[in-house]
Amino acid sequence: MLLTILDNKLKYAGNELKKIDTFNVKASQFNHFNGEYLKKKVSERWNDFNGMKVQRDLYSAFLIMNVKDNLCEIDSGDCNENWVTFKTSHDIEIDRLRTSEHTLASMGL
């Protein structure tokens, strides 16, 4: 129902809802730095890229943002191009959340 509502609103604005192939994309497992997939436990909330800590859900959203037009694979080139902007925004948001009086346990903060 929610997707139908979103799709209708997008159509009204001249856009369309795009559904990625989550089976092939596997955003929660992919590492755009080396192109490898690593299955993680649901309880693992952070990725560690050679000392760079990135919250898993935010990183998955970043990867999904950089999916190719075929909606089946991540464009590592786009990820590399957008990485610095993402990481800067990520760190600002994580700091904001950590200092907030409301905590988000599901994000591992």
C-alpha atoms as a PDB file:
ATOM      1  CA  MET A   1       0.000   0.000   0.000  1.00  0.00           C
ATOM      2  CA  LEU A   2       2.767   2.455   0.938  1.00  0.00           C
ATOM      3  CA  LEU A   3       4.637   1.744  -2.300  1.00  0.00           C
ATOM      4  CA  THR A   4       1.459   2.354  -4.291  1.00  0.00           C
ATOM      5  CA  ILE A   5       0.967   5.712  -2.571  1.00  0.00           C
ATOM      6  CA  LEU A   6       4.595   6.683  -3.194  1.00  0.00           C
ATOM      7  CA  ASP A   7       4.399   5.559  -6.815  1.00  0.00           C
ATOM      8  CA  ASN A   8       1.231   7.623  -7.378  1.00  0.00           C
ATOM      9  CA  LYS A   9       2.830  10.719  -5.830  1.00  0.00           C
ATOM     10  CA  LEU A  10       5.945  10.246  -7.955  1.00  0.00           C
ATOM     11  CA  LYS A  11       3.856   9.826 -11.128  1.00  0.00           C
ATOM     12  CA  TYR A  12       2.003  13.035 -10.302  1.00  0.00           C
ATOM     13  CA  ALA A  13       5.407  14.788 -10.250  1.00  0.00           C
ATOM     14  CA  GLY A  14       6.456  13.119 -13.518  1.00  0.00           C
ATOM     15  CA  ASN A  15       8.680  10.487 -11.911  1.00  0.00           C
ATOM     16  CA  GLU A  16       8.416   6.782 -11.221  1.00  0.00           C
ATOM     17  CA  LEU A  17       9.179   4.404  -8.383  1.00  0.00           C
ATOM     18  CA  LYS A  18      12.253   2.312  -9.102  1.00  0.00           C
ATOM     19  CA  LYS A  19      12.620  -1.058  -7.409  1.00  0.00           C
ATOM     20  CA  ILE A  20      16.134  -2.416  -7.165  1.00  0.00           C
ATOM     21  CA  ASP A  21      16.879  -6.119  -7.391  1.00  0.00           C
ATOM     22  CA  THR A  22      17.775  -6.643  -3.725  1.00  0.00           C
ATOM     23  CA  PHE A  23      18.751 -10.284  -4.343  1.00  0.00           C
ATOM     24  CA  ASN A  24      21.577  -9.224  -6.666  1.00  0.00           C
ATOM     25  CA  VAL A  25      22.455  -5.852  -5.140  1.00  0.00           C
ATOM     26  CA  LYS A  26      22.897  -7.142  -1.539  1.00  0.00           C
ATOM     27  CA  ALA A  27      23.650  -3.622  -0.302  1.00  0.00           C
ATOM     28  CA  SER A  28      24.151  -4.691   3.320  1.00  0.00           C
ATOM     29  CA  GLN A  29      26.940  -7.070   2.262  1.00  0.00           C
ATOM     30  CA  PHE A  30      28.785  -5.175  -0.480  1.00  0.00           C
ATOM     31  CA  ASN A  31      32.088  -3.341  -0.099  1.00  0.00           C
ATOM     32  CA  HIS A  32      32.531  -0.847  -2.938  1.00  0.00           C
ATOM     33  CA  PHE A  33      36.247  -0.427  -2.169  1.00  0.00           C
ATOM     34  CA  ASN A  34      37.148  -3.995  -3.145  1.00  0.00           C
ATOM     35  CA  GLY A  35      33.962  -5.195  -4.893  1.00  0.00           C
ATOM     36  CA  GLU A  36      33.529  -8.091  -2.470  1.00  0.00           C
ATOM     37  CA  TYR A  37      30.455  -9.309  -0.625  1.00  0.00           C
ATOM     38  CA  LEU A  38      30.711 -10.273   3.036  1.00  0.00           C
ATOM     39  CA  LYS A  39      27.676 -11.693   4.781  1.00  0.00           C
ATOM     40  CA  LYS A  40      27.207 -10.072   8.187  1.00  0.00           C
ATOM     41  CA  LYS A  41      25.069 -10.863  11.198  1.00  0.00           C
ATOM     42  CA  VAL A  42      22.060  -8.580  11.656  1.00  0.00           C
ATOM     43  CA  SER A  43      23.608  -7.522  14.974  1.00  0.00           C
ATOM     44  CA  GLU A  44      26.687  -6.117  13.170  1.00  0.00           C
ATOM     45  CA  ARG A  45      25.683  -2.458  12.824  1.00  0.00           C
ATOM     46  CA  TRP A  46      28.983  -0.981  11.578  1.00  0.00           C
ATOM     47  CA  ASN A  47      31.302  -1.536   8.629  1.00  0.00           C
ATOM     48  CA  ASP A  48      35.015  -1.032   9.139  1.00  0.00           C
ATOM     49  CA  PHE A  49      36.928  -0.047   6.015  1.00  0.00           C
ATOM     50  CA  ASN A  50      40.566   0.028   7.153  1.00  0.00           C
ATOM     51  CA  GLY A  51      39.738   2.082  10.232  1.00  0.00           C
ATOM     52  CA  MET A  52      36.922   4.102   8.652  1.00  0.00           C
ATOM     53  CA  LYS A  53      33.775   3.224  10.601  1.00  0.00           C
ATOM     54  CA  VAL A  54      30.498   3.561   8.702  1.00  0.00           C
ATOM     55  CA  GLN A  55      27.039   2.778  10.035  1.00  0.00           C
ATOM     56  CA  ARG A  56      25.687  -0.219   8.118  1.00  0.00           C
ATOM     57  CA  ASP A  57      22.196   1.115   7.268  1.00  0.00           C
ATOM     58  CA  LEU A  58      23.497   4.489   6.103  1.00  0.00           C
ATOM     59  CA  TYR A  59      26.142   2.762   3.977  1.00  0.00           C
ATOM     60  CA  SER A  60      23.486   0.484   2.444  1.00  0.00           C
ATOM     61  CA  ALA A  61      21.435   3.560   1.530  1.00  0.00           C
ATOM     62  CA  PHE A  62      24.555   5.102  -0.025  1.00  0.00           C
ATOM     63  CA  LEU A  63      25.128   1.976  -2.101  1.00  0.00           C
ATOM     64  CA  ILE A  64      21.491   1.881  -3.218  1.00  0.00           C
ATOM     65  CA  MET A  65      21.783   5.531  -4.229  1.00  0.00           C
ATOM     66  CA  ASN A  66      24.611   4.423  -6.547  1.00  0.00           C
ATOM     67  CA  VAL A  67      22.878   1.483  -8.240  1.00  0.00           C
ATOM     68  CA  LYS A  68      23.268   1.289 -12.015  1.00  0.00           C
ATOM     69  CA  ASP A  69      20.310   1.992 -14.312  1.00  0.00           C
ATOM     70  CA  ASN A  70      19.714  -1.767 -14.639  1.00  0.00           C
ATOM     71  CA  LEU A  71      18.793  -1.746 -10.884  1.00  0.00           C
ATOM     72  CA  CYS A  72      20.743  -5.003 -10.456  1.00  0.00           C
ATOM     73  CA  GLU A  73      24.272  -3.903  -9.540  1.00  0.00           C
ATOM     74  CA  ILE A  74      26.123  -1.172  -7.702  1.00  0.00           C
ATOM     75  CA  ASP A  75      28.223   1.281  -9.695  1.00  0.00           C
ATOM     76  CA  SER A  76      31.524   1.317  -7.814  1.00  0.00           C
ATOM     77  CA  GLY A  77      32.753   4.233  -9.921  1.00  0.00           C
ATOM     78  CA  ASP A  78      29.809   6.359  -8.786  1.00  0.00           C
ATOM     79  CA  CYS A  79      30.432   5.217  -5.208  1.00  0.00           C
ATOM     80  CA  ASN A  80      34.057   6.341  -5.414  1.00  0.00           C
ATOM     81  CA  GLU A  81      33.009   9.667  -6.932  1.00  0.00           C
ATOM     82  CA  ASN A  82      30.408  10.319  -4.196  1.00  0.00           C
ATOM     83  CA  TRP A  83      32.301   8.815  -1.257  1.00  0.00           C
ATOM     84  CA  VAL A  84      33.810  11.956   0.299  1.00  0.00           C
ATOM     85  CA  THR A  85      30.474  13.796   0.279  1.00  0.00           C
ATOM     86  CA  PHE A  86      28.713  10.781   1.778  1.00  0.00           C
ATOM     87  CA  LYS A  87      31.342  10.155   4.461  1.00  0.00           C
ATOM     88  CA  THR A  88      31.351  13.822   5.503  1.00  0.00           C
ATOM     89  CA  SER A  89      27.544  13.851   5.786  1.00  0.00           C
ATOM     90  CA  HIS A  90      27.612  10.471   7.547  1.00  0.00           C
ATOM     91  CA  ASP A  91      30.040  11.664  10.209  1.00  0.00           C
ATOM     92  CA  ILE A  92      28.067  14.859  10.838  1.00  0.00           C
ATOM     93  CA  GLU A  93      24.835  12.886  11.241  1.00  0.00           C
ATOM     94  CA  ILE A  94      26.404  10.257  13.510  1.00  0.00           C
ATOM     95  CA  ASP A  95      27.797  13.024  15.743  1.00  0.00           C
ATOM     96  CA  ARG A  96      24.379  14.687  15.822  1.00  0.00           C
ATOM     97  CA  LEU A  97      22.664  11.438  16.756  1.00  0.00           C
ATOM     98  CA  ARG A  98      25.212  10.627  19.454  1.00  0.00           C
ATOM     99  CA  THR A  99      24.668  13.986  21.134  1.00  0.00           C
ATOM    100  CA  SER A 100      20.873  13.843  20.799  1.00  0.00           C
ATOM    101  CA  GLU A 101      18.772  13.129  23.862  1.00  0.00           C
ATOM    102  CA  HIS A 102      16.929  10.474  21.804  1.00  0.00           C
ATOM    103  CA  THR A 103      18.925   7.332  21.072  1.00  0.00           C
ATOM    104  CA  LEU A 104      18.512   4.922  18.196  1.00  0.00           C
ATOM    105  CA  ALA A 105      19.537   1.512  19.512  1.00  0.00           C
ATOM    106  CA  SER A 106      18.726  -0.122  16.170  1.00  0.00           C
ATOM    107  CA  MET A 107      21.597   1.808  14.567  1.00  0.00           C
ATOM    108  CA  GLY A 108      24.112   0.615  17.128  1.00  0.00           C
ATOM    109  CA  LEU A 109      24.722   4.056  18.590  1.00  0.00           C
END
